mmCIF file of all heavy atoms, coordinates in Angstrom:
data_MODEL
# 
_entry.id   MODEL 
# 
loop_
_atom_site.group_PDB 
_atom_site.id 
_atom_site.type_symbol 
_atom_site.label_atom_id 
_atom_site.label_alt_id 
_atom_site.label_comp_id 
_atom_site.label_asym_id 
_atom_site.label_entity_id 
_atom_site.label_seq_id 
_atom_site.pdbx_PDB_ins_code 
_atom_site.Cartn_x 
_atom_site.Cartn_y 
_atom_site.Cartn_z 
_atom_site.occupancy 
_atom_site.B_iso_or_equiv 
_atom_site.pdbx_formal_charge 
_atom_site.auth_seq_id 
_atom_site.auth_comp_id 
_atom_site.auth_asym_id 
_atom_site.auth_atom_id 
_atom_site.pdbx_PDB_model_num 
ATOM 1   N N   . ASN A 1 1  ? 0.809   -1.219 0.027   1.00 0.00 ? 1  ASN A N   1 
ATOM 2   C CA  . ASN A 1 1  ? 0.000   -0.009 -0.002  1.00 0.00 ? 1  ASN A CA  1 
ATOM 3   C C   . ASN A 1 1  ? 0.858   1.252  0.000   1.00 0.00 ? 1  ASN A C   1 
ATOM 4   O O   . ASN A 1 1  ? 0.630   2.170  0.789   1.00 0.00 ? 1  ASN A O   1 
ATOM 5   C CB  . ASN A 1 1  ? -0.903  0.046  1.185   1.00 0.00 ? 1  ASN A CB  1 
ATOM 6   C CG  . ASN A 1 1  ? -1.868  -1.146 1.175   1.00 0.00 ? 1  ASN A CG  1 
ATOM 7   O OD1 . ASN A 1 1  ? -2.492  -1.495 0.145   1.00 0.00 ? 1  ASN A OD1 1 
ATOM 8   N ND2 . ASN A 1 1  ? -2.092  -1.811 2.317   1.00 0.00 ? 1  ASN A ND2 1 
ATOM 9   N N   . THR A 1 2  ? 1.838   1.293  -0.867  1.00 0.00 ? 2  THR A N   1 
ATOM 10  C CA  . THR A 1 2  ? 2.692   2.445  -0.986  1.00 0.00 ? 2  THR A CA  1 
ATOM 11  C C   . THR A 1 2  ? 2.799   2.912  -2.433  1.00 0.00 ? 2  THR A C   1 
ATOM 12  O O   . THR A 1 2  ? 2.603   2.133  -3.360  1.00 0.00 ? 2  THR A O   1 
ATOM 13  C CB  . THR A 1 2  ? 4.129   2.089  -0.512  1.00 0.00 ? 2  THR A CB  1 
ATOM 14  O OG1 . THR A 1 2  ? 4.693   1.030  -1.249  1.00 0.00 ? 2  THR A OG1 1 
ATOM 15  C CG2 . THR A 1 2  ? 4.119   1.730  0.955   1.00 0.00 ? 2  THR A CG2 1 
ATOM 16  N N   . VAL A 1 3  ? 3.072   4.190  -2.578  1.00 0.00 ? 3  VAL A N   1 
ATOM 17  C CA  . VAL A 1 3  ? 3.393   4.757  -3.885  1.00 0.00 ? 3  VAL A CA  1 
ATOM 18  C C   . VAL A 1 3  ? 4.571   5.711  -3.701  1.00 0.00 ? 3  VAL A C   1 
ATOM 19  O O   . VAL A 1 3  ? 4.640   6.477  -2.739  1.00 0.00 ? 3  VAL A O   1 
ATOM 20  C CB  . VAL A 1 3  ? 2.173   5.454  -4.477  1.00 0.00 ? 3  VAL A CB  1 
ATOM 21  C CG1 . VAL A 1 3  ? 1.662   6.550  -3.615  1.00 0.00 ? 3  VAL A CG1 1 
ATOM 22  C CG2 . VAL A 1 3  ? 2.467   5.979  -5.859  1.00 0.00 ? 3  VAL A CG2 1 
ATOM 23  N N   . ASP A 1 4  ? 5.523   5.579  -4.627  1.00 0.00 ? 4  ASP A N   1 
ATOM 24  C CA  . ASP A 1 4  ? 6.724   6.377  -4.563  1.00 0.00 ? 4  ASP A CA  1 
ATOM 25  C C   . ASP A 1 4  ? 6.905   7.253  -5.772  1.00 0.00 ? 4  ASP A C   1 
ATOM 26  O O   . ASP A 1 4  ? 6.317   7.003  -6.814  1.00 0.00 ? 4  ASP A O   1 
ATOM 27  C CB  . ASP A 1 4  ? 7.986   5.460  -4.467  1.00 0.00 ? 4  ASP A CB  1 
ATOM 28  C CG  . ASP A 1 4  ? 8.080   4.740  -3.161  1.00 0.00 ? 4  ASP A CG  1 
ATOM 29  O OD1 . ASP A 1 4  ? 7.263   4.975  -2.237  1.00 0.00 ? 4  ASP A OD1 1 
ATOM 30  O OD2 . ASP A 1 4  ? 9.026   3.898  -3.013  1.00 0.00 ? 4  ASP A OD2 1 
ATOM 31  N N   . LEU A 1 5  ? 7.667   8.319  -5.632  1.00 0.00 ? 5  LEU A N   1 
ATOM 32  C CA  . LEU A 1 5  ? 7.993   9.181  -6.711  1.00 0.00 ? 5  LEU A CA  1 
ATOM 33  C C   . LEU A 1 5  ? 9.455   9.420  -6.697  1.00 0.00 ? 5  LEU A C   1 
ATOM 34  O O   . LEU A 1 5  ? 9.959   10.098 -5.802  1.00 0.00 ? 5  LEU A O   1 
ATOM 35  C CB  . LEU A 1 5  ? 7.224   10.498 -6.626  1.00 0.00 ? 5  LEU A CB  1 
ATOM 36  C CG  . LEU A 1 5  ? 7.460   11.489 -7.783  1.00 0.00 ? 5  LEU A CG  1 
ATOM 37  C CD1 . LEU A 1 5  ? 6.806   10.901 -9.074  1.00 0.00 ? 5  LEU A CD1 1 
ATOM 38  C CD2 . LEU A 1 5  ? 6.880   12.865 -7.476  1.00 0.00 ? 5  LEU A CD2 1 
ATOM 39  N N   . GLN A 1 6  ? 10.189  8.856  -7.679  1.00 0.00 ? 6  GLN A N   1 
ATOM 40  C CA  . GLN A 1 6  ? 11.614  9.096  -7.845  1.00 0.00 ? 6  GLN A CA  1 
ATOM 41  C C   . GLN A 1 6  ? 11.794  10.341 -8.698  1.00 0.00 ? 6  GLN A C   1 
ATOM 42  O O   . GLN A 1 6  ? 11.342  10.396 -9.839  1.00 0.00 ? 6  GLN A O   1 
ATOM 43  C CB  . GLN A 1 6  ? 12.297  7.885  -8.482  1.00 0.00 ? 6  GLN A CB  1 
ATOM 44  C CG  . GLN A 1 6  ? 13.772  8.072  -8.713  1.00 0.00 ? 6  GLN A CG  1 
ATOM 45  C CD  . GLN A 1 6  ? 14.580  8.206  -7.426  1.00 0.00 ? 6  GLN A CD  1 
ATOM 46  O OE1 . GLN A 1 6  ? 14.373  7.398  -6.495  1.00 0.00 ? 6  GLN A OE1 1 
ATOM 47  N NE2 . GLN A 1 6  ? 15.469  9.199  -7.373  1.00 0.00 ? 6  GLN A NE2 1 
ATOM 48  N N   . MET A 1 7  ? 12.486  11.323 -8.149  1.00 0.00 ? 7  MET A N   1 
ATOM 49  C CA  . MET A 1 7  ? 12.664  12.633 -8.854  1.00 0.00 ? 7  MET A CA  1 
ATOM 50  C C   . MET A 1 7  ? 14.163  12.800 -9.105  1.00 0.00 ? 7  MET A C   1 
ATOM 51  O O   . MET A 1 7  ? 14.940  12.917 -8.158  1.00 0.00 ? 7  MET A O   1 
ATOM 52  C CB  . MET A 1 7  ? 12.086  13.770 -7.986  1.00 0.00 ? 7  MET A CB  1 
ATOM 53  C CG  . MET A 1 7  ? 10.634  13.606 -7.626  1.00 0.00 ? 7  MET A CG  1 
ATOM 54  S SD  . MET A 1 7  ? 9.956   15.030 -6.759  1.00 0.00 ? 7  MET A SD  1 
ATOM 55  C CE  . MET A 1 7  ? 10.958  14.939 -5.281  1.00 0.00 ? 7  MET A CE  1 
ATOM 56  N N   . ASN A 1 8  ? 14.479  12.869 -10.381 1.00 0.00 ? 8  ASN A N   1 
ATOM 57  C CA  . ASN A 1 8  ? 15.833  13.102 -10.756 1.00 0.00 ? 8  ASN A CA  1 
ATOM 58  C C   . ASN A 1 8  ? 16.007  14.367 -11.548 1.00 0.00 ? 8  ASN A C   1 
ATOM 59  O O   . ASN A 1 8  ? 15.011  14.924 -12.040 1.00 0.00 ? 8  ASN A O   1 
ATOM 60  C CB  . ASN A 1 8  ? 16.378  11.922 -11.656 1.00 0.00 ? 8  ASN A CB  1 
ATOM 61  C CG  . ASN A 1 8  ? 16.344  10.573 -10.972 1.00 0.00 ? 8  ASN A CG  1 
ATOM 62  O OD1 . ASN A 1 8  ? 16.599  10.487 -9.756  1.00 0.00 ? 8  ASN A OD1 1 
ATOM 63  N ND2 . ASN A 1 8  ? 16.079  9.517  -11.692 1.00 0.00 ? 8  ASN A ND2 1 
ATOM 64  N N   . SER A 1 9  ? 17.228  14.836 -11.680 1.00 0.00 ? 9  SER A N   1 
ATOM 65  C CA  . SER A 1 9  ? 17.530  16.081 -12.446 1.00 0.00 ? 9  SER A CA  1 
ATOM 66  C C   . SER A 1 9  ? 16.595  17.244 -11.968 1.00 0.00 ? 9  SER A C   1 
ATOM 67  O O   . SER A 1 9  ? 16.008  17.942 -12.788 1.00 0.00 ? 9  SER A O   1 
ATOM 68  C CB  . SER A 1 9  ? 17.382  15.843 -13.930 1.00 0.00 ? 9  SER A CB  1 
ATOM 69  O OG  . SER A 1 9  ? 18.263  14.813 -14.342 1.00 0.00 ? 9  SER A OG  1 
ATOM 70  N N   . LEU A 1 10 ? 16.494  17.384 -10.669 1.00 0.00 ? 10 LEU A N   1 
ATOM 71  C CA  . LEU A 1 10 ? 15.617  18.396 -10.115 1.00 0.00 ? 10 LEU A CA  1 
ATOM 72  C C   . LEU A 1 10 ? 15.996  19.802 -10.509 1.00 0.00 ? 10 LEU A C   1 
ATOM 73  O O   . LEU A 1 10 ? 17.184  20.143 -10.595 1.00 0.00 ? 10 LEU A O   1 
ATOM 74  C CB  . LEU A 1 10 ? 15.513  18.266 -8.591  1.00 0.00 ? 10 LEU A CB  1 
ATOM 75  C CG  . LEU A 1 10 ? 14.671  17.085 -8.124  1.00 0.00 ? 10 LEU A CG  1 
ATOM 76  C CD1 . LEU A 1 10 ? 15.016  16.747 -6.692  1.00 0.00 ? 10 LEU A CD1 1 
ATOM 77  C CD2 . LEU A 1 10 ? 13.217  17.376 -8.262  1.00 0.00 ? 10 LEU A CD2 1 
ATOM 78  N N   . LYS A 1 11 ? 14.948  20.626 -10.744 1.00 0.00 ? 11 LYS A N   1 
ATOM 79  C CA  . LYS A 1 11 ? 15.107  22.010 -11.114 1.00 0.00 ? 11 LYS A CA  1 
ATOM 80  C C   . LYS A 1 11 ? 14.500  22.903 -10.050 1.00 0.00 ? 11 LYS A C   1 
ATOM 81  O O   . LYS A 1 11 ? 13.598  22.476 -9.346  1.00 0.00 ? 11 LYS A O   1 
ATOM 82  C CB  . LYS A 1 11 ? 14.457  22.265 -12.451 1.00 0.00 ? 11 LYS A CB  1 
ATOM 83  C CG  . LYS A 1 11 ? 14.870  21.337 -13.589 1.00 0.00 ? 11 LYS A CG  1 
ATOM 84  C CD  . LYS A 1 11 ? 14.035  21.614 -14.815 1.00 0.00 ? 11 LYS A CD  1 
ATOM 85  C CE  . LYS A 1 11 ? 14.422  20.685 -15.966 1.00 0.00 ? 11 LYS A CE  1 
ATOM 86  N NZ  . LYS A 1 11 ? 13.598  20.916 -17.175 1.00 0.00 ? 11 LYS A NZ  1 
ATOM 87  N N   . PRO A 1 12 ? 14.941  24.176 -9.955  1.00 0.00 ? 12 PRO A N   1 
ATOM 88  C CA  . PRO A 1 12 ? 14.276  25.059 -9.025  1.00 0.00 ? 12 PRO A CA  1 
ATOM 89  C C   . PRO A 1 12 ? 12.745  25.169 -9.254  1.00 0.00 ? 12 PRO A C   1 
ATOM 90  O O   . PRO A 1 12 ? 12.030  25.379 -8.259  1.00 0.00 ? 12 PRO A O   1 
ATOM 91  C CB  . PRO A 1 12 ? 14.974  26.391 -9.348  1.00 0.00 ? 12 PRO A CB  1 
ATOM 92  C CG  . PRO A 1 12 ? 16.325  26.003 -9.739  1.00 0.00 ? 12 PRO A CG  1 
ATOM 93  C CD  . PRO A 1 12 ? 16.120  24.762 -10.550 1.00 0.00 ? 12 PRO A CD  1 
ATOM 94  N N   . ASP A 1 13 ? 12.304  25.032 -10.492 1.00 0.00 ? 13 ASP A N   1 
ATOM 95  C CA  . ASP A 1 13 ? 10.871  25.099 -10.774 1.00 0.00 ? 13 ASP A CA  1 
ATOM 96  C C   . ASP A 1 13 ? 10.101  23.891 -10.148 1.00 0.00 ? 13 ASP A C   1 
ATOM 97  O O   . ASP A 1 13 ? 8.860   23.934 -10.102 1.00 0.00 ? 13 ASP A O   1 
ATOM 98  C CB  . ASP A 1 13 ? 10.599  25.148 -12.243 1.00 0.00 ? 13 ASP A CB  1 
ATOM 99  C CG  . ASP A 1 13 ? 10.928  26.457 -12.894 1.00 0.00 ? 13 ASP A CG  1 
ATOM 100 O OD1 . ASP A 1 13 ? 11.097  27.429 -12.112 1.00 0.00 ? 13 ASP A OD1 1 
ATOM 101 O OD2 . ASP A 1 13 ? 10.956  26.583 -14.131 1.00 0.00 ? 13 ASP A OD2 1 
ATOM 102 N N   . ASP A 1 14 ? 10.800  22.897 -9.727  1.00 0.00 ? 14 ASP A N   1 
ATOM 103 C CA  . ASP A 1 14 ? 10.154  21.755 -9.071  1.00 0.00 ? 14 ASP A CA  1 
ATOM 104 C C   . ASP A 1 14 ? 9.849   22.014 -7.631  1.00 0.00 ? 14 ASP A C   1 
ATOM 105 O O   . ASP A 1 14 ? 9.150   21.233 -6.946  1.00 0.00 ? 14 ASP A O   1 
ATOM 106 C CB  . ASP A 1 14 ? 11.052  20.491 -9.119  1.00 0.00 ? 14 ASP A CB  1 
ATOM 107 C CG  . ASP A 1 14 ? 11.236  20.054 -10.569 1.00 0.00 ? 14 ASP A CG  1 
ATOM 108 O OD1 . ASP A 1 14 ? 10.288  20.035 -11.372 1.00 0.00 ? 14 ASP A OD1 1 
ATOM 109 O OD2 . ASP A 1 14 ? 12.371  19.591 -10.889 1.00 0.00 ? 14 ASP A OD2 1 
ATOM 110 N N   . THR A 1 15 ? 10.295  23.174 -7.085  1.00 0.00 ? 15 THR A N   1 
ATOM 111 C CA  . THR A 1 15 ? 10.058  23.541 -5.691  1.00 0.00 ? 15 THR A CA  1 
ATOM 112 C C   . THR A 1 15 ? 8.585   23.635 -5.461  1.00 0.00 ? 15 THR A C   1 
ATOM 113 O O   . THR A 1 15 ? 7.867   24.433 -6.162  1.00 0.00 ? 15 THR A O   1 
ATOM 114 C CB  . THR A 1 15 ? 10.771  24.828 -5.348  1.00 0.00 ? 15 THR A CB  1 
ATOM 115 O OG1 . THR A 1 15 ? 12.192  24.613 -5.409  1.00 0.00 ? 15 THR A OG1 1 
ATOM 116 C CG2 . THR A 1 15 ? 10.392  25.274 -3.957  1.00 0.00 ? 15 THR A CG2 1 
ATOM 117 N N   . ALA A 1 16 ? 8.034   22.944 -4.475  1.00 0.00 ? 16 ALA A N   1 
ATOM 118 C CA  . ALA A 1 16 ? 6.613   22.923 -4.237  1.00 0.00 ? 16 ALA A CA  1 
ATOM 119 C C   . ALA A 1 16 ? 6.344   22.030 -3.011  1.00 0.00 ? 16 ALA A C   1 
ATOM 120 O O   . ALA A 1 16 ? 7.242   21.290 -2.595  1.00 0.00 ? 16 ALA A O   1 
ATOM 121 C CB  . ALA A 1 16 ? 5.820   22.427 -5.432  1.00 0.00 ? 16 ALA A CB  1 
ATOM 122 N N   . VAL A 1 17 ? 5.098   22.063 -2.598  1.00 0.00 ? 17 VAL A N   1 
ATOM 123 C CA  . VAL A 1 17 ? 4.619   21.077 -1.604  1.00 0.00 ? 17 VAL A CA  1 
ATOM 124 C C   . VAL A 1 17 ? 4.073   19.904 -2.448  1.00 0.00 ? 17 VAL A C   1 
ATOM 125 O O   . VAL A 1 17 ? 3.173   20.158 -3.310  1.00 0.00 ? 17 VAL A O   1 
ATOM 126 C CB  . VAL A 1 17 ? 3.595   21.588 -0.629  1.00 0.00 ? 17 VAL A CB  1 
ATOM 127 C CG1 . VAL A 1 17 ? 3.077   20.510 0.258   1.00 0.00 ? 17 VAL A CG1 1 
ATOM 128 C CG2 . VAL A 1 17 ? 4.174   22.736 0.165   1.00 0.00 ? 17 VAL A CG2 1 
ATOM 129 N N   . TYR A 1 18 ? 4.508   18.680 -2.169  1.00 0.00 ? 18 TYR A N   1 
ATOM 130 C CA  . TYR A 1 18 ? 4.073   17.546 -2.921  1.00 0.00 ? 18 TYR A CA  1 
ATOM 131 C C   . TYR A 1 18 ? 3.089   16.744 -2.062  1.00 0.00 ? 18 TYR A C   1 
ATOM 132 O O   . TYR A 1 18 ? 3.313   16.439 -0.923  1.00 0.00 ? 18 TYR A O   1 
ATOM 133 C CB  . TYR A 1 18 ? 5.261   16.683 -3.313  1.00 0.00 ? 18 TYR A CB  1 
ATOM 134 C CG  . TYR A 1 18 ? 6.036   17.221 -4.426  1.00 0.00 ? 18 TYR A CG  1 
ATOM 135 C CD1 . TYR A 1 18 ? 6.806   18.403 -4.273  1.00 0.00 ? 18 TYR A CD1 1 
ATOM 136 C CD2 . TYR A 1 18 ? 6.028   16.635 -5.684  1.00 0.00 ? 18 TYR A CD2 1 
ATOM 137 C CE1 . TYR A 1 18 ? 7.575   18.888 -5.351  1.00 0.00 ? 18 TYR A CE1 1 
ATOM 138 C CE2 . TYR A 1 18 ? 6.765   17.154 -6.745  1.00 0.00 ? 18 TYR A CE2 1 
ATOM 139 C CZ  . TYR A 1 18 ? 7.526   18.320 -6.578  1.00 0.00 ? 18 TYR A CZ  1 
ATOM 140 O OH  . TYR A 1 18 ? 8.265   18.801 -7.636  1.00 0.00 ? 18 TYR A OH  1 
ATOM 141 N N   . TYR A 1 19 ? 1.937   16.365 -2.705  1.00 0.00 ? 19 TYR A N   1 
ATOM 142 C CA  . TYR A 1 19 ? 0.885   15.697 -2.033  1.00 0.00 ? 19 TYR A CA  1 
ATOM 143 C C   . TYR A 1 19 ? 0.621   14.322 -2.690  1.00 0.00 ? 19 TYR A C   1 
ATOM 144 O O   . TYR A 1 19 ? 0.594   14.198 -3.900  1.00 0.00 ? 19 TYR A O   1 
ATOM 145 C CB  . TYR A 1 19 ? -0.444  16.475 -2.138  1.00 0.00 ? 19 TYR A CB  1 
ATOM 146 C CG  . TYR A 1 19 ? -0.417  17.819 -1.404  1.00 0.00 ? 19 TYR A CG  1 
ATOM 147 C CD1 . TYR A 1 19 ? 0.020   18.990 -2.116  1.00 0.00 ? 19 TYR A CD1 1 
ATOM 148 C CD2 . TYR A 1 19 ? -0.757  17.993 -0.080  1.00 0.00 ? 19 TYR A CD2 1 
ATOM 149 C CE1 . TYR A 1 19 ? 0.073   20.214 -1.499  1.00 0.00 ? 19 TYR A CE1 1 
ATOM 150 C CE2 . TYR A 1 19 ? -0.689  19.212 0.535   1.00 0.00 ? 19 TYR A CE2 1 
ATOM 151 C CZ  . TYR A 1 19 ? -0.307  20.313 -0.159  1.00 0.00 ? 19 TYR A CZ  1 
ATOM 152 O OH  . TYR A 1 19 ? -0.277  21.556 0.410   1.00 0.00 ? 19 TYR A OH  1 
ATOM 153 N N   . CYS A 1 20 ? 0.476   13.345 -1.806  1.00 0.00 ? 20 CYS A N   1 
ATOM 154 C CA  . CYS A 1 20 ? 0.063   12.007 -2.293  1.00 0.00 ? 20 CYS A CA  1 
ATOM 155 C C   . CYS A 1 20 ? -1.441  11.940 -2.286  1.00 0.00 ? 20 CYS A C   1 
ATOM 156 O O   . CYS A 1 20 ? -2.133  12.423 -1.446  1.00 0.00 ? 20 CYS A O   1 
ATOM 157 C CB  . CYS A 1 20 ? 0.694   10.940 -1.344  1.00 0.00 ? 20 CYS A CB  1 
ATOM 158 S SG  . CYS A 1 20 ? 0.180   9.253  -1.586  1.00 0.00 ? 20 CYS A SG  1 
ATOM 159 N N   . LYS A 1 21 ? -1.956  11.195 -3.300  1.00 0.00 ? 21 LYS A N   1 
ATOM 160 C CA  . LYS A 1 21 ? -3.407  11.021 -3.385  1.00 0.00 ? 21 LYS A CA  1 
ATOM 161 C C   . LYS A 1 21 ? -3.747  9.572  -3.753  1.00 0.00 ? 21 LYS A C   1 
ATOM 162 O O   . LYS A 1 21 ? -3.149  9.005  -4.656  1.00 0.00 ? 21 LYS A O   1 
ATOM 163 C CB  . LYS A 1 21 ? -4.020  11.914 -4.449  1.00 0.00 ? 21 LYS A CB  1 
ATOM 164 C CG  . LYS A 1 21 ? -5.556  11.837 -4.461  1.00 0.00 ? 21 LYS A CG  1 
ATOM 165 C CD  . LYS A 1 21 ? -6.135  12.583 -5.646  1.00 0.00 ? 21 LYS A CD  1 
ATOM 166 C CE  . LYS A 1 21 ? -6.075  11.717 -6.922  1.00 0.00 ? 21 LYS A CE  1 
ATOM 167 N NZ  . LYS A 1 21 ? -6.812  12.275 -8.071  1.00 0.00 ? 21 LYS A NZ  1 
ATOM 168 N N   . PHE A 1 22 ? -4.698  8.975  -3.049  1.00 0.00 ? 22 PHE A N   1 
ATOM 169 C CA  . PHE A 1 22 ? -5.298  7.733  -3.385  1.00 0.00 ? 22 PHE A CA  1 
ATOM 170 C C   . PHE A 1 22 ? -6.719  7.943  -3.774  1.00 0.00 ? 22 PHE A C   1 
ATOM 171 O O   . PHE A 1 22 ? -7.457  8.665  -3.131  1.00 0.00 ? 22 PHE A O   1 
ATOM 172 C CB  . PHE A 1 22 ? -5.224  6.724  -2.218  1.00 0.00 ? 22 PHE A CB  1 
ATOM 173 C CG  . PHE A 1 22 ? -3.945  6.003  -2.019  1.00 0.00 ? 22 PHE A CG  1 
ATOM 174 C CD1 . PHE A 1 22 ? -2.755  6.623  -2.213  1.00 0.00 ? 22 PHE A CD1 1 
ATOM 175 C CD2 . PHE A 1 22 ? -3.923  4.652  -1.701  1.00 0.00 ? 22 PHE A CD2 1 
ATOM 176 C CE1 . PHE A 1 22 ? -1.536  5.961  -2.026  1.00 0.00 ? 22 PHE A CE1 1 
ATOM 177 C CE2 . PHE A 1 22 ? -2.816  4.003  -1.506  1.00 0.00 ? 22 PHE A CE2 1 
ATOM 178 C CZ  . PHE A 1 22 ? -1.565  4.584  -1.674  1.00 0.00 ? 22 PHE A CZ  1 
ATOM 179 N N   . GLU A 1 23 ? -7.129  7.298  -4.848  1.00 0.00 ? 23 GLU A N   1 
ATOM 180 C CA  . GLU A 1 23 ? -8.483  7.371  -5.360  1.00 0.00 ? 23 GLU A CA  1 
ATOM 181 C C   . GLU A 1 23 ? -9.176  6.046  -5.089  1.00 0.00 ? 23 GLU A C   1 
ATOM 182 O O   . GLU A 1 23 ? -8.757  5.038  -5.574  1.00 0.00 ? 23 GLU A O   1 
ATOM 183 C CB  . GLU A 1 23 ? -8.516  7.676  -6.861  1.00 0.00 ? 23 GLU A CB  1 
ATOM 184 C CG  . GLU A 1 23 ? -9.868  7.803  -7.471  1.00 0.00 ? 23 GLU A CG  1 
ATOM 185 C CD  . GLU A 1 23 ? -9.754  8.092  -8.971  1.00 0.00 ? 23 GLU A CD  1 
ATOM 186 O OE1 . GLU A 1 23 ? -9.496  9.290  -9.317  1.00 0.00 ? 23 GLU A OE1 1 
ATOM 187 O OE2 . GLU A 1 23 ? -9.934  7.143  -9.766  1.00 0.00 ? 23 GLU A OE2 1 
ATOM 188 N N   . ARG A 1 24 ? -10.200 6.133  -4.252  1.00 0.00 ? 24 ARG A N   1 
ATOM 189 C CA  . ARG A 1 24 ? -10.907 4.903  -3.826  1.00 0.00 ? 24 ARG A CA  1 
ATOM 190 C C   . ARG A 1 24 ? -12.300 4.877  -4.449  1.00 0.00 ? 24 ARG A C   1 
ATOM 191 O O   . ARG A 1 24 ? -13.014 5.899  -4.425  1.00 0.00 ? 24 ARG A O   1 
ATOM 192 C CB  . ARG A 1 24 ? -11.004 4.890  -2.285  1.00 0.00 ? 24 ARG A CB  1 
ATOM 193 C CG  . ARG A 1 24 ? -11.744 3.652  -1.753  1.00 0.00 ? 24 ARG A CG  1 
ATOM 194 C CD  . ARG A 1 24 ? -11.897 3.729  -0.276  1.00 0.00 ? 24 ARG A CD  1 
ATOM 195 N NE  . ARG A 1 24 ? -12.775 2.675  0.218   1.00 0.00 ? 24 ARG A NE  1 
ATOM 196 C CZ  . ARG A 1 24 ? -13.479 2.706  1.350   1.00 0.00 ? 24 ARG A CZ  1 
ATOM 197 N NH1 . ARG A 1 24 ? -13.436 3.853  2.079   1.00 0.00 ? 24 ARG A NH1 1 
ATOM 198 N NH2 . ARG A 1 24 ? -14.210 1.669  1.700   1.00 0.00 ? 24 ARG A NH2 1 
ATOM 199 N N   . VAL A 1 25 ? -12.656 3.706  -4.997  1.00 0.00 ? 25 VAL A N   1 
ATOM 200 C CA  . VAL A 1 25 ? -13.981 3.548  -5.538  1.00 0.00 ? 25 VAL A CA  1 
ATOM 201 C C   . VAL A 1 25 ? -14.961 3.233  -4.428  1.00 0.00 ? 25 VAL A C   1 
ATOM 202 O O   . VAL A 1 25 ? -14.806 2.295  -3.676  1.00 0.00 ? 25 VAL A O   1 
ATOM 203 C CB  . VAL A 1 25 ? -13.977 2.417  -6.567  1.00 0.00 ? 25 VAL A CB  1 
ATOM 204 C CG1 . VAL A 1 25 ? -15.378 2.164  -7.085  1.00 0.00 ? 25 VAL A CG1 1 
ATOM 205 C CG2 . VAL A 1 25 ? -13.055 2.725  -7.710  1.00 0.00 ? 25 VAL A CG2 1 
ATOM 206 N N   . ARG A 1 26 ? -15.993 4.055  -4.287  1.00 0.00 ? 26 ARG A N   1 
ATOM 207 C CA  . ARG A 1 26 ? -17.003 3.909  -3.269  1.00 0.00 ? 26 ARG A CA  1 
ATOM 208 C C   . ARG A 1 26 ? -18.209 3.081  -3.743  1.00 0.00 ? 26 ARG A C   1 
ATOM 209 O O   . ARG A 1 26 ? -18.881 2.481  -2.941  1.00 0.00 ? 26 ARG A O   1 
ATOM 210 C CB  . ARG A 1 26 ? -17.472 5.261  -2.749  1.00 0.00 ? 26 ARG A CB  1 
ATOM 211 C CG  . ARG A 1 26 ? -16.352 6.117  -2.161  1.00 0.00 ? 26 ARG A CG  1 
ATOM 212 C CD  . ARG A 1 26 ? -15.690 5.444  -0.974  1.00 0.00 ? 26 ARG A CD  1 
ATOM 213 N NE  . ARG A 1 26 ? -16.597 5.068  0.063   1.00 0.00 ? 26 ARG A NE  1 
ATOM 214 C CZ  . ARG A 1 26 ? -17.039 5.839  1.024   1.00 0.00 ? 26 ARG A CZ  1 
ATOM 215 N NH1 . ARG A 1 26 ? -16.617 7.141  1.070   1.00 0.00 ? 26 ARG A NH1 1 
ATOM 216 N NH2 . ARG A 1 26 ? -17.870 5.434  1.932   1.00 0.00 ? 26 ARG A NH2 1 
# 
């Protein structure tokens, strides 16, 4: 139950708050 984000060659424009989201079918 995990999801990862590998970020390479980072740029200043990548600066942000990063949010994880799960979409659940109700």
